[in-house]
Amino acid sequence: MLEVQLATKNFMKSKDKKELEEFRRHLQAFKELISRAETEVEEADRQQAIKSIAEDLIAYQEAFQKVIERMAEMDEQEKRHPQYSRAPNGEGLDRAVASC
């Protein structure tokens, strides 16, 4: 799971498609590990823990998909309205506020 989270962070920082593919690769590997555990683990309490992990992973994946979509929307807005860009030093925000 740590590799999935690191790939998430790397993509959000770089917006590089390679990082997104890394996320997907690590996610798939983790899903396969969970699937294998679901068939091999027999103890009820551990089965419940594995089920909970699988549900959390789905929620994480869905939330990250929303982040990807929102980042794309923000990039598109920035292209249409460069005066409101998310400049690292906040210049775009300063200009937006000053124009109000």
PDB file of N, CA and C in Angstrom:
ATOM      1  N   MET A   1       0.829  -1.190   0.000  1.00  0.00           N
ATOM      2  CA  MET A   1       0.000   0.000   0.000  1.00  0.00           C
ATOM      3  C   MET A   1       0.870   1.249   0.000  1.00  0.00           C
ATOM      4  N   LEU A   2       2.010   1.162   0.637  1.00  0.00           N
ATOM      5  CA  LEU A   2       2.906   2.319   0.666  1.00  0.00           C
ATOM      6  C   LEU A   2       3.325   2.709  -0.751  1.00  0.00           C
ATOM      7  N   GLU A   3       3.598   1.724  -1.595  1.00  0.00           N
ATOM      8  CA  GLU A   3       3.982   2.028  -2.979  1.00  0.00           C
ATOM      9  C   GLU A   3       2.840   2.713  -3.730  1.00  0.00           C
ATOM     10  N   VAL A   4       1.611   2.316  -3.455  1.00  0.00           N
ATOM     11  CA  VAL A   4       0.445   2.956  -4.071  1.00  0.00           C
ATOM     12  C   VAL A   4       0.384   4.418  -3.627  1.00  0.00           C
ATOM     13  N   GLN A   5       0.573   4.650  -2.337  1.00  0.00           N
ATOM     14  CA  GLN A   5       0.519   6.007  -1.810  1.00  0.00           C
ATOM     15  C   GLN A   5       1.663   6.873  -2.346  1.00  0.00           C
ATOM     16  N   LEU A   6       2.852   6.297  -2.466  1.00  0.00           N
ATOM     17  CA  LEU A   6       3.981   7.054  -3.017  1.00  0.00           C
ATOM     18  C   LEU A   6       3.740   7.405  -4.484  1.00  0.00           C
ATOM     19  N   ALA A   7       3.187   6.472  -5.233  1.00  0.00           N
ATOM     20  CA  ALA A   7       2.875   6.752  -6.635  1.00  0.00           C
ATOM     21  C   ALA A   7       1.811   7.850  -6.737  1.00  0.00           C
ATOM     22  N   THR A   8       0.865   7.852  -5.803  1.00  0.00           N
ATOM     23  CA  THR A   8      -0.152   8.901  -5.758  1.00  0.00           C
ATOM     24  C   THR A   8       0.511  10.256  -5.556  1.00  0.00           C
ATOM     25  N   LYS A   9       1.372  10.333  -4.563  1.00  0.00           N
ATOM     26  CA  LYS A   9       2.070  11.584  -4.262  1.00  0.00           C
ATOM     27  C   LYS A   9       2.902  12.034  -5.452  1.00  0.00           C
ATOM     28  N   ASN A  10       3.619  11.115  -6.058  1.00  0.00           N
ATOM     29  CA  ASN A  10       4.476  11.467  -7.194  1.00  0.00           C
ATOM     30  C   ASN A  10       3.664  12.000  -8.367  1.00  0.00           C
ATOM     31  N   PHE A  11       2.521  11.378  -8.644  1.00  0.00           N
ATOM     32  CA  PHE A  11       1.687  11.864  -9.736  1.00  0.00           C
ATOM     33  C   PHE A  11       1.141  13.252  -9.431  1.00  0.00           C
ATOM     34  N   MET A  12       0.667  13.449  -8.214  1.00  0.00           N
ATOM     35  CA  MET A  12       0.088  14.742  -7.866  1.00  0.00           C
ATOM     36  C   MET A  12       1.134  15.858  -7.935  1.00  0.00           C
ATOM     37  N   LYS A  13       2.364  15.501  -7.645  1.00  0.00           N
ATOM     38  CA  LYS A  13       3.442  16.495  -7.688  1.00  0.00           C
ATOM     39  C   LYS A  13       3.874  16.786  -9.125  1.00  0.00           C
ATOM     40  N   SER A  14       3.975  15.745  -9.944  1.00  0.00           N
ATOM     41  CA  SER A  14       4.550  15.900 -11.288  1.00  0.00           C
ATOM     42  C   SER A  14       3.515  15.960 -12.416  1.00  0.00           C
ATOM     43  N   LYS A  15       2.335  15.387 -12.193  1.00  0.00           N
ATOM     44  CA  LYS A  15       1.306  15.236 -13.231  1.00  0.00           C
ATOM     45  C   LYS A  15       1.820  14.432 -14.424  1.00  0.00           C
ATOM     46  N   ASP A  16       2.808  13.616 -14.194  1.00  0.00           N
ATOM     47  CA  ASP A  16       3.430  12.807 -15.233  1.00  0.00           C
ATOM     48  C   ASP A  16       2.640  11.514 -15.420  1.00  0.00           C
ATOM     49  N   LYS A  17       2.295  11.216 -16.674  1.00  0.00           N
ATOM     50  CA  LYS A  17       1.524  10.004 -16.978  1.00  0.00           C
ATOM     51  C   LYS A  17       2.261   8.734 -16.538  1.00  0.00           C
ATOM     52  N   LYS A  18       3.593   8.770 -16.549  1.00  0.00           N
ATOM     53  CA  LYS A  18       4.355   7.603 -16.091  1.00  0.00           C
ATOM     54  C   LYS A  18       4.066   7.327 -14.617  1.00  0.00           C
ATOM     55  N   GLU A  19       3.917   8.374 -13.836  1.00  0.00           N
ATOM     56  CA  GLU A  19       3.613   8.199 -12.417  1.00  0.00           C
ATOM     57  C   GLU A  19       2.202   7.635 -12.232  1.00  0.00           C
ATOM     58  N   LEU A  20       1.290   8.039 -13.094  1.00  0.00           N
ATOM     59  CA  LEU A  20      -0.063   7.503 -13.044  1.00  0.00           C
ATOM     60  C   LEU A  20      -0.045   6.009 -13.379  1.00  0.00           C
ATOM     61  N   GLU A  21       0.763   5.626 -14.346  1.00  0.00           N
ATOM     62  CA  GLU A  21       0.895   4.209 -14.684  1.00  0.00           C
ATOM     63  C   GLU A  21       1.530   3.423 -13.534  1.00  0.00           C
ATOM     64  N   GLU A  22       2.480   4.044 -12.842  1.00  0.00           N
ATOM     65  CA  GLU A  22       3.080   3.404 -11.665  1.00  0.00           C
ATOM     66  C   GLU A  22       2.010   3.172 -10.602  1.00  0.00           C
ATOM     67  N   PHE A  23       1.170   4.178 -10.388  1.00  0.00           N
ATOM     68  CA  PHE A  23       0.069   4.029  -9.442  1.00  0.00           C
ATOM     69  C   PHE A  23      -0.784   2.823  -9.823  1.00  0.00           C
ATOM     70  N   ARG A  24      -1.171   2.755 -11.080  1.00  0.00           N
ATOM     71  CA  ARG A  24      -2.039   1.662 -11.539  1.00  0.00           C
ATOM     72  C   ARG A  24      -1.357   0.305 -11.406  1.00  0.00           C
ATOM     73  N   ARG A  25      -0.067   0.271 -11.688  1.00  0.00           N
ATOM     74  CA  ARG A  25       0.686  -0.989 -11.575  1.00  0.00           C
ATOM     75  C   ARG A  25       0.743  -1.455 -10.117  1.00  0.00           C
ATOM     76  N   HIS A  26       1.067  -0.540  -9.215  1.00  0.00           N
ATOM     77  CA  HIS A  26       1.137  -0.899  -7.791  1.00  0.00           C
ATOM     78  C   HIS A  26      -0.248  -1.240  -7.246  1.00  0.00           C
ATOM     79  N   LEU A  27      -1.271  -0.540  -7.692  1.00  0.00           N
ATOM     80  CA  LEU A  27      -2.627  -0.825  -7.263  1.00  0.00           C
ATOM     81  C   LEU A  27      -3.024  -2.236  -7.686  1.00  0.00           C
ATOM     82  N   GLN A  28      -2.736  -2.583  -8.928  1.00  0.00           N
ATOM     83  CA  GLN A  28      -3.082  -3.919  -9.420  1.00  0.00           C
ATOM     84  C   GLN A  28      -2.336  -5.004  -8.629  1.00  0.00           C
ATOM     85  N   ALA A  29      -1.073  -4.774  -8.345  1.00  0.00           N
ATOM     86  CA  ALA A  29      -0.299  -5.746  -7.569  1.00  0.00           C
ATOM     87  C   ALA A  29      -0.900  -5.926  -6.177  1.00  0.00           C
ATOM     88  N   PHE A  30      -1.314  -4.826  -5.566  1.00  0.00           N
ATOM     89  CA  PHE A  30      -1.909  -4.892  -4.239  1.00  0.00           C
ATOM     90  C   PHE A  30      -3.261  -5.611  -4.288  1.00  0.00           C
ATOM     91  N   LYS A  31      -4.047  -5.356  -5.329  1.00  0.00           N
ATOM     92  CA  LYS A  31      -5.330  -6.047  -5.491  1.00  0.00           C
ATOM     93  C   LYS A  31      -5.113  -7.548  -5.637  1.00  0.00           C
ATOM     94  N   GLU A  32      -4.102  -7.932  -6.379  1.00  0.00           N
ATOM     95  CA  GLU A  32      -3.809  -9.361  -6.552  1.00  0.00           C
ATOM     96  C   GLU A  32      -3.400  -9.992  -5.227  1.00  0.00           C
ATOM     97  N   LEU A  33      -2.637  -9.258  -4.436  1.00  0.00           N
ATOM     98  CA  LEU A  33      -2.230  -9.750  -3.120  1.00  0.00           C
ATOM     99  C   LEU A  33      -3.452  -9.939  -2.219  1.00  0.00           C
ATOM    100  N   ILE A  34      -4.353  -8.988  -2.244  1.00  0.00           N
ATOM    101  CA  ILE A  34      -5.579  -9.100  -1.445  1.00  0.00           C
ATOM    102  C   ILE A  34      -6.429 -10.272  -1.926  1.00  0.00           C
ATOM    103  N   SER A  35      -6.544 -10.428  -3.224  1.00  0.00           N
ATOM    104  CA  SER A  35      -7.329 -11.529  -3.786  1.00  0.00           C
ATOM    105  C   SER A  35      -6.764 -12.875  -3.349  1.00  0.00           C
ATOM    106  N   ARG A  36      -5.454 -12.976  -3.383  1.00  0.00           N
ATOM    107  CA  ARG A  36      -4.811 -14.217  -2.948  1.00  0.00           C
ATOM    108  C   ARG A  36      -5.058 -14.463  -1.458  1.00  0.00           C
ATOM    109  N   ALA A  37      -4.976 -13.405  -0.675  1.00  0.00           N
ATOM    110  CA  ALA A  37      -5.213 -13.546   0.760  1.00  0.00           C
ATOM    111  C   ALA A  37      -6.658 -13.965   1.036  1.00  0.00           C
ATOM    112  N   GLU A  38      -7.594 -13.446   0.255  1.00  0.00           N
ATOM    113  CA  GLU A  38      -9.004 -13.797   0.451  1.00  0.00           C
ATOM    114  C   GLU A  38      -9.240 -15.293   0.258  1.00  0.00           C
ATOM    115  N   THR A  39      -8.494 -15.908  -0.634  1.00  0.00           N
ATOM    116  CA  THR A  39      -8.695 -17.342  -0.884  1.00  0.00           C
ATOM    117  C   THR A  39      -7.875 -18.216   0.056  1.00  0.00           C
ATOM    118  N   GLU A  40      -6.765 -17.697   0.571  1.00  0.00           N
ATOM    119  CA  GLU A  40      -5.879 -18.522   1.397  1.00  0.00           C
ATOM    120  C   GLU A  40      -6.160 -18.417   2.891  1.00  0.00           C
ATOM    121  N   VAL A  41      -6.624 -17.291   3.353  1.00  0.00           N
ATOM    122  CA  VAL A  41      -6.852 -17.084   4.790  1.00  0.00           C
ATOM    123  C   VAL A  41      -8.181 -17.706   5.181  1.00  0.00           C
ATOM    124  N   GLU A  42      -8.162 -18.491   6.253  1.00  0.00           N
ATOM    125  CA  GLU A  42      -9.368 -19.192   6.670  1.00  0.00           C
ATOM    126  C   GLU A  42      -9.960 -18.656   7.967  1.00  0.00           C
ATOM    127  N   GLU A  43      -9.177 -17.990   8.788  1.00  0.00           N
ATOM    128  CA  GLU A  43      -9.666 -17.499  10.077  1.00  0.00           C
ATOM    129  C   GLU A  43     -10.634 -16.328   9.857  1.00  0.00           C
ATOM    130  N   ALA A  44     -11.765 -16.397  10.544  1.00  0.00           N
ATOM    131  CA  ALA A  44     -12.842 -15.423  10.330  1.00  0.00           C
ATOM    132  C   ALA A  44     -12.401 -13.988  10.628  1.00  0.00           C
ATOM    133  N   ASP A  45     -11.661 -13.775  11.706  1.00  0.00           N
ATOM    134  CA  ASP A  45     -11.258 -12.407  12.039  1.00  0.00           C
ATOM    135  C   ASP A  45     -10.284 -11.845  11.015  1.00  0.00           C
ATOM    136  N   ARG A  46      -9.428 -12.685  10.496  1.00  0.00           N
ATOM    137  CA  ARG A  46      -8.496 -12.238   9.462  1.00  0.00           C
ATOM    138  C   ARG A  46      -9.212 -12.021   8.130  1.00  0.00           C
ATOM    139  N   GLN A  47     -10.196 -12.864   7.837  1.00  0.00           N
ATOM    140  CA  GLN A  47     -10.987 -12.666   6.624  1.00  0.00           C
ATOM    141  C   GLN A  47     -11.693 -11.319   6.665  1.00  0.00           C
ATOM    142  N   GLN A  48     -12.206 -10.958   7.836  1.00  0.00           N
ATOM    143  CA  GLN A  48     -12.879  -9.667   7.982  1.00  0.00           C
ATOM    144  C   GLN A  48     -11.891  -8.526   7.790  1.00  0.00           C
ATOM    145  N   ALA A  49     -10.681  -8.676   8.306  1.00  0.00           N
ATOM    146  CA  ALA A  49      -9.654  -7.640   8.138  1.00  0.00           C
ATOM    147  C   ALA A  49      -9.294  -7.482   6.663  1.00  0.00           C
ATOM    148  N   ILE A  50      -9.186  -8.585   5.956  1.00  0.00           N
ATOM    149  CA  ILE A  50      -8.864  -8.544   4.527  1.00  0.00           C
ATOM    150  C   ILE A  50     -10.000  -7.886   3.748  1.00  0.00           C
ATOM    151  N   LYS A  51     -11.220  -8.203   4.107  1.00  0.00           N
ATOM    152  CA  LYS A  51     -12.380  -7.587   3.457  1.00  0.00           C
ATOM    153  C   LYS A  51     -12.361  -6.075   3.683  1.00  0.00           C
ATOM    154  N   SER A  52     -12.053  -5.668   4.878  1.00  0.00           N
ATOM    155  CA  SER A  52     -11.988  -4.243   5.199  1.00  0.00           C
ATOM    156  C   SER A  52     -10.887  -3.546   4.389  1.00  0.00           C
ATOM    157  N   ILE A  53      -9.746  -4.195   4.265  1.00  0.00           N
ATOM    158  CA  ILE A  53      -8.647  -3.638   3.473  1.00  0.00           C
ATOM    159  C   ILE A  53      -9.070  -3.502   2.009  1.00  0.00           C
ATOM    160  N   ALA A  54      -9.738  -4.514   1.481  1.00  0.00           N
ATOM    161  CA  ALA A  54     -10.194  -4.469   0.086  1.00  0.00           C
ATOM    162  C   ALA A  54     -11.183  -3.317  -0.123  1.00  0.00           C
ATOM    163  N   GLU A  55     -12.086  -3.116   0.824  1.00  0.00           N
ATOM    164  CA  GLU A  55     -13.048  -2.020   0.719  1.00  0.00           C
ATOM    165  C   GLU A  55     -12.336  -0.668   0.791  1.00  0.00           C
ATOM    166  N   ASP A  56     -11.366  -0.557   1.685  1.00  0.00           N
ATOM    167  CA  ASP A  56     -10.604   0.692   1.810  1.00  0.00           C
ATOM    168  C   ASP A  56      -9.817   0.987   0.533  1.00  0.00           C
ATOM    169  N   LEU A  57      -9.290  -0.060  -0.082  1.00  0.00           N
ATOM    170  CA  LEU A  57      -8.533   0.132  -1.320  1.00  0.00           C
ATOM    171  C   LEU A  57      -9.442   0.638  -2.444  1.00  0.00           C
ATOM    172  N   ILE A  58     -10.637   0.107  -2.516  1.00  0.00           N
ATOM    173  CA  ILE A  58     -11.597   0.578  -3.520  1.00  0.00           C
ATOM    174  C   ILE A  58     -11.925   2.047  -3.272  1.00  0.00           C
ATOM    175  N   ALA A  59     -12.164   2.398  -2.017  1.00  0.00           N
ATOM    176  CA  ALA A  59     -12.466   3.795  -1.678  1.00  0.00           C
ATOM    177  C   ALA A  59     -11.287   4.703  -2.019  1.00  0.00           C
ATOM    178  N   TYR A  60     -10.066   4.236  -1.761  1.00  0.00           N
ATOM    179  CA  TYR A  60      -8.865   5.013  -2.072  1.00  0.00           C
ATOM    180  C   TYR A  60      -8.765   5.232  -3.580  1.00  0.00           C
ATOM    181  N   GLN A  61      -8.989   4.175  -4.345  1.00  0.00           N
ATOM    182  CA  GLN A  61      -8.927   4.267  -5.802  1.00  0.00           C
ATOM    183  C   GLN A  61      -9.984   5.237  -6.332  1.00  0.00           C
ATOM    184  N   GLU A  62     -11.185   5.153  -5.827  1.00  0.00           N
ATOM    185  CA  GLU A  62     -12.253   6.054  -6.277  1.00  0.00           C
ATOM    186  C   GLU A  62     -11.937   7.505  -5.917  1.00  0.00           C
ATOM    187  N   ALA A  63     -11.412   7.722  -4.718  1.00  0.00           N
ATOM    188  CA  ALA A  63     -11.065   9.082  -4.303  1.00  0.00           C
ATOM    189  C   ALA A  63      -9.931   9.637  -5.165  1.00  0.00           C
ATOM    190  N   PHE A  64      -8.945   8.804  -5.468  1.00  0.00           N
ATOM    191  CA  PHE A  64      -7.834   9.268  -6.297  1.00  0.00           C
ATOM    192  C   PHE A  64      -8.318   9.582  -7.709  1.00  0.00           C
ATOM    193  N   GLN A  65      -9.263   8.817  -8.211  1.00  0.00           N
ATOM    194  CA  GLN A  65      -9.826   9.106  -9.531  1.00  0.00           C
ATOM    195  C   GLN A  65     -10.482  10.479  -9.534  1.00  0.00           C
ATOM    196  N   LYS A  66     -11.172  10.817  -8.457  1.00  0.00           N
ATOM    197  CA  LYS A  66     -11.788  12.143  -8.345  1.00  0.00           C
ATOM    198  C   LYS A  66     -10.726  13.237  -8.316  1.00  0.00           C
ATOM    199  N   VAL A  67      -9.622  12.958  -7.644  1.00  0.00           N
ATOM    200  CA  VAL A  67      -8.521  13.929  -7.608  1.00  0.00           C
ATOM    201  C   VAL A  67      -7.959  14.139  -9.008  1.00  0.00           C
ATOM    202  N   ILE A  68      -7.760  13.064  -9.745  1.00  0.00           N
ATOM    203  CA  ILE A  68      -7.247  13.156 -11.111  1.00  0.00           C
ATOM    204  C   ILE A  68      -8.189  14.006 -11.965  1.00  0.00           C
ATOM    205  N   GLU A  69      -9.480  13.737 -11.851  1.00  0.00           N
ATOM    206  CA  GLU A  69     -10.468  14.497 -12.623  1.00  0.00           C
ATOM    207  C   GLU A  69     -10.453  15.972 -12.234  1.00  0.00           C
ATOM    208  N   ARG A  70     -10.361  16.250 -10.943  1.00  0.00           N
ATOM    209  CA  ARG A  70     -10.347  17.645 -10.489  1.00  0.00           C
ATOM    210  C   ARG A  70      -9.079  18.354 -10.941  1.00  0.00           C
ATOM    211  N   MET A  71      -7.954  17.668 -10.915  1.00  0.00           N
ATOM    212  CA  MET A  71      -6.710  18.265 -11.393  1.00  0.00           C
ATOM    213  C   MET A  71      -6.820  18.609 -12.875  1.00  0.00           C
ATOM    214  N   ALA A  72      -7.443  17.730 -13.651  1.00  0.00           N
ATOM    215  CA  ALA A  72      -7.629  17.986 -15.082  1.00  0.00           C
ATOM    216  C   ALA A  72      -8.546  19.186 -15.294  1.00  0.00           C
ATOM    217  N   GLU A  73      -9.603  19.286 -14.495  1.00  0.00           N
ATOM    218  CA  GLU A  73     -10.503  20.440 -14.590  1.00  0.00           C
ATOM    219  C   GLU A  73      -9.758  21.735 -14.278  1.00  0.00           C
ATOM    220  N   MET A  74      -8.942  21.703 -13.244  1.00  0.00           N
ATOM    221  CA  MET A  74      -8.199  22.900 -12.853  1.00  0.00           C
ATOM    222  C   MET A  74      -7.191  23.291 -13.934  1.00  0.00           C
ATOM    223  N   ASP A  75      -6.556  22.294 -14.531  1.00  0.00           N
ATOM    224  CA  ASP A  75      -5.617  22.583 -15.620  1.00  0.00           C
ATOM    225  C   ASP A  75      -6.342  23.216 -16.798  1.00  0.00           C
ATOM    226  N   GLU A  76      -7.532  22.702 -17.114  1.00  0.00           N
ATOM    227  CA  GLU A  76      -8.317  23.251 -18.216  1.00  0.00           C
ATOM    228  C   GLU A  76      -8.745  24.681 -17.913  1.00  0.00           C
ATOM    229  N   GLN A  77      -9.170  24.930 -16.710  1.00  0.00           N
ATOM    230  CA  GLN A  77      -9.554  26.291 -16.311  1.00  0.00           C
ATOM    231  C   GLN A  77      -8.357  27.236 -16.402  1.00  0.00           C
ATOM    232  N   GLU A  78      -7.211  26.738 -15.999  1.00  0.00           N
ATOM    233  CA  GLU A  78      -6.004  27.557 -16.049  1.00  0.00           C
ATOM    234  C   GLU A  78      -5.629  27.893 -17.491  1.00  0.00           C
ATOM    235  N   LYS A  79      -5.862  26.962 -18.409  1.00  0.00           N
ATOM    236  CA  LYS A  79      -5.592  27.232 -19.821  1.00  0.00           C
ATOM    237  C   LYS A  79      -6.535  28.298 -20.366  1.00  0.00           C
ATOM    238  N   ARG A  80      -7.807  28.218 -19.953  1.00  0.00           N
ATOM    239  CA  ARG A  80      -8.794  29.198 -20.425  1.00  0.00           C
ATOM    240  C   ARG A  80      -8.618  30.563 -19.768  1.00  0.00           C
ATOM    241  N   HIS A  81      -8.128  30.565 -18.536  1.00  0.00           N
ATOM    242  CA  HIS A  81      -7.990  31.811 -17.774  1.00  0.00           C
ATOM    243  C   HIS A  81      -6.599  31.880 -17.132  1.00  0.00           C
ATOM    244  N   PRO A  82      -5.570  32.086 -17.935  1.00  0.00           N
ATOM    245  CA  PRO A  82      -4.202  32.067 -17.389  1.00  0.00           C
ATOM    246  C   PRO A  82      -3.956  33.147 -16.330  1.00  0.00           C
ATOM    247  N   GLN A  83      -4.767  34.184 -16.333  1.00  0.00           N
ATOM    248  CA  GLN A  83      -4.578  35.239 -15.339  1.00  0.00           C
ATOM    249  C   GLN A  83      -4.850  34.733 -13.920  1.00  0.00           C
ATOM    250  N   TYR A  84      -5.552  33.599 -13.804  1.00  0.00           N
ATOM    251  CA  TYR A  84      -5.846  33.029 -12.487  1.00  0.00           C
ATOM    252  C   TYR A  84      -5.013  31.777 -12.223  1.00  0.00           C
ATOM    253  N   SER A  85      -3.867  31.709 -12.816  1.00  0.00           N
ATOM    254  CA  SER A  85      -3.050  30.506 -12.692  1.00  0.00           C
ATOM    255  C   SER A  85      -2.650  30.266 -11.246  1.00  0.00           C
ATOM    256  N   ARG A  86      -2.314  29.013 -10.986  1.00  0.00           N
ATOM    257  CA  ARG A  86      -1.877  28.610  -9.647  1.00  0.00           C
ATOM    258  C   ARG A  86      -0.365  28.743  -9.557  1.00  0.00           C
ATOM    259  N   ALA A  87       0.127  29.946  -9.709  1.00  0.00           N
ATOM    260  CA  ALA A  87       1.562  30.193  -9.642  1.00  0.00           C
ATOM    261  C   ALA A  87       2.051  29.837  -8.238  1.00  0.00           C
ATOM    262  N   PRO A  88       3.248  29.259  -8.138  1.00  0.00           N
ATOM    263  CA  PRO A  88       3.755  28.838  -6.834  1.00  0.00           C
ATOM    264  C   PRO A  88       3.791  29.955  -5.794  1.00  0.00           C
ATOM    265  N   ASN A  89       4.002  31.173  -6.235  1.00  0.00           N
ATOM    266  CA  ASN A  89       4.089  32.275  -5.275  1.00  0.00           C
ATOM    267  C   ASN A  89       2.755  32.969  -5.063  1.00  0.00           C
ATOM    268  N   GLY A  90       1.688  32.462  -5.668  1.00  0.00           N
ATOM    269  CA  GLY A  90       0.363  33.012  -5.457  1.00  0.00           C
ATOM    270  C   GLY A  90       0.040  34.244  -6.282  1.00  0.00           C
ATOM    271  N   GLU A  91       0.855  34.569  -7.276  1.00  0.00           N
ATOM    272  CA  GLU A  91       0.614  35.771  -8.073  1.00  0.00           C
ATOM    273  C   GLU A  91      -0.756  35.750  -8.739  1.00  0.00           C
ATOM    274  N   GLY A  92      -1.163  34.603  -9.262  1.00  0.00           N
ATOM    275  CA  GLY A  92      -2.460  34.511  -9.926  1.00  0.00           C
ATOM    276  C   GLY A  92      -3.594  34.829  -8.976  1.00  0.00           C
ATOM    277  N   LEU A  93      -3.508  34.320  -7.772  1.00  0.00           N
ATOM    278  CA  LEU A  93      -4.525  34.596  -6.777  1.00  0.00           C
ATOM    279  C   LEU A  93      -4.533  36.080  -6.422  1.00  0.00           C
ATOM    280  N   ASP A  94      -3.361  36.659  -6.269  1.00  0.00           N
ATOM    281  CA  ASP A  94      -3.269  38.095  -5.969  1.00  0.00           C
ATOM    282  C   ASP A  94      -3.945  38.912  -7.061  1.00  0.00           C
ATOM    283  N   ARG A  95      -3.705  38.563  -8.317  1.00  0.00           N
ATOM    284  CA  ARG A  95      -4.321  39.288  -9.430  1.00  0.00           C
ATOM    285  C   ARG A  95      -5.834  39.112  -9.428  1.00  0.00           C
ATOM    286  N   ALA A  96      -6.288  37.893  -9.127  1.00  0.00           N
ATOM    287  CA  ALA A  96      -7.726  37.624  -9.110  1.00  0.00           C
ATOM    288  C   ALA A  96      -8.407  38.444  -8.015  1.00  0.00           C
ATOM    289  N   VAL A  97      -7.799  38.480  -6.840  1.00  0.00           N
ATOM    290  CA  VAL A  97      -8.381  39.228  -5.730  1.00  0.00           C
ATOM    291  C   VAL A  97      -8.354  40.725  -6.026  1.00  0.00           C
ATOM    292  N   ALA A  98      -7.267  41.200  -6.605  1.00  0.00           N
ATOM    293  CA  ALA A  98      -7.134  42.623  -6.891  1.00  0.00           C
ATOM    294  C   ALA A  98      -8.147  43.082  -7.935  1.00  0.00           C
ATOM    295  N   SER A  99      -8.553  42.177  -8.823  1.00  0.00           N
ATOM    296  CA  SER A  99      -9.499  42.566  -9.879  1.00  0.00           C
ATOM    297  C   SER A  99     -10.938  42.611  -9.394  1.00  0.00           C
ATOM    298  N   CYS A 100     -11.192  42.163  -8.186  1.00  0.00           N
ATOM    299  CA  CYS A 100     -12.569  42.152  -7.654  1.00  0.00           C
ATOM    300  C   CYS A 100     -13.006  43.510  -7.151  1.00  0.00           C
TER     301      CYS A 100
END
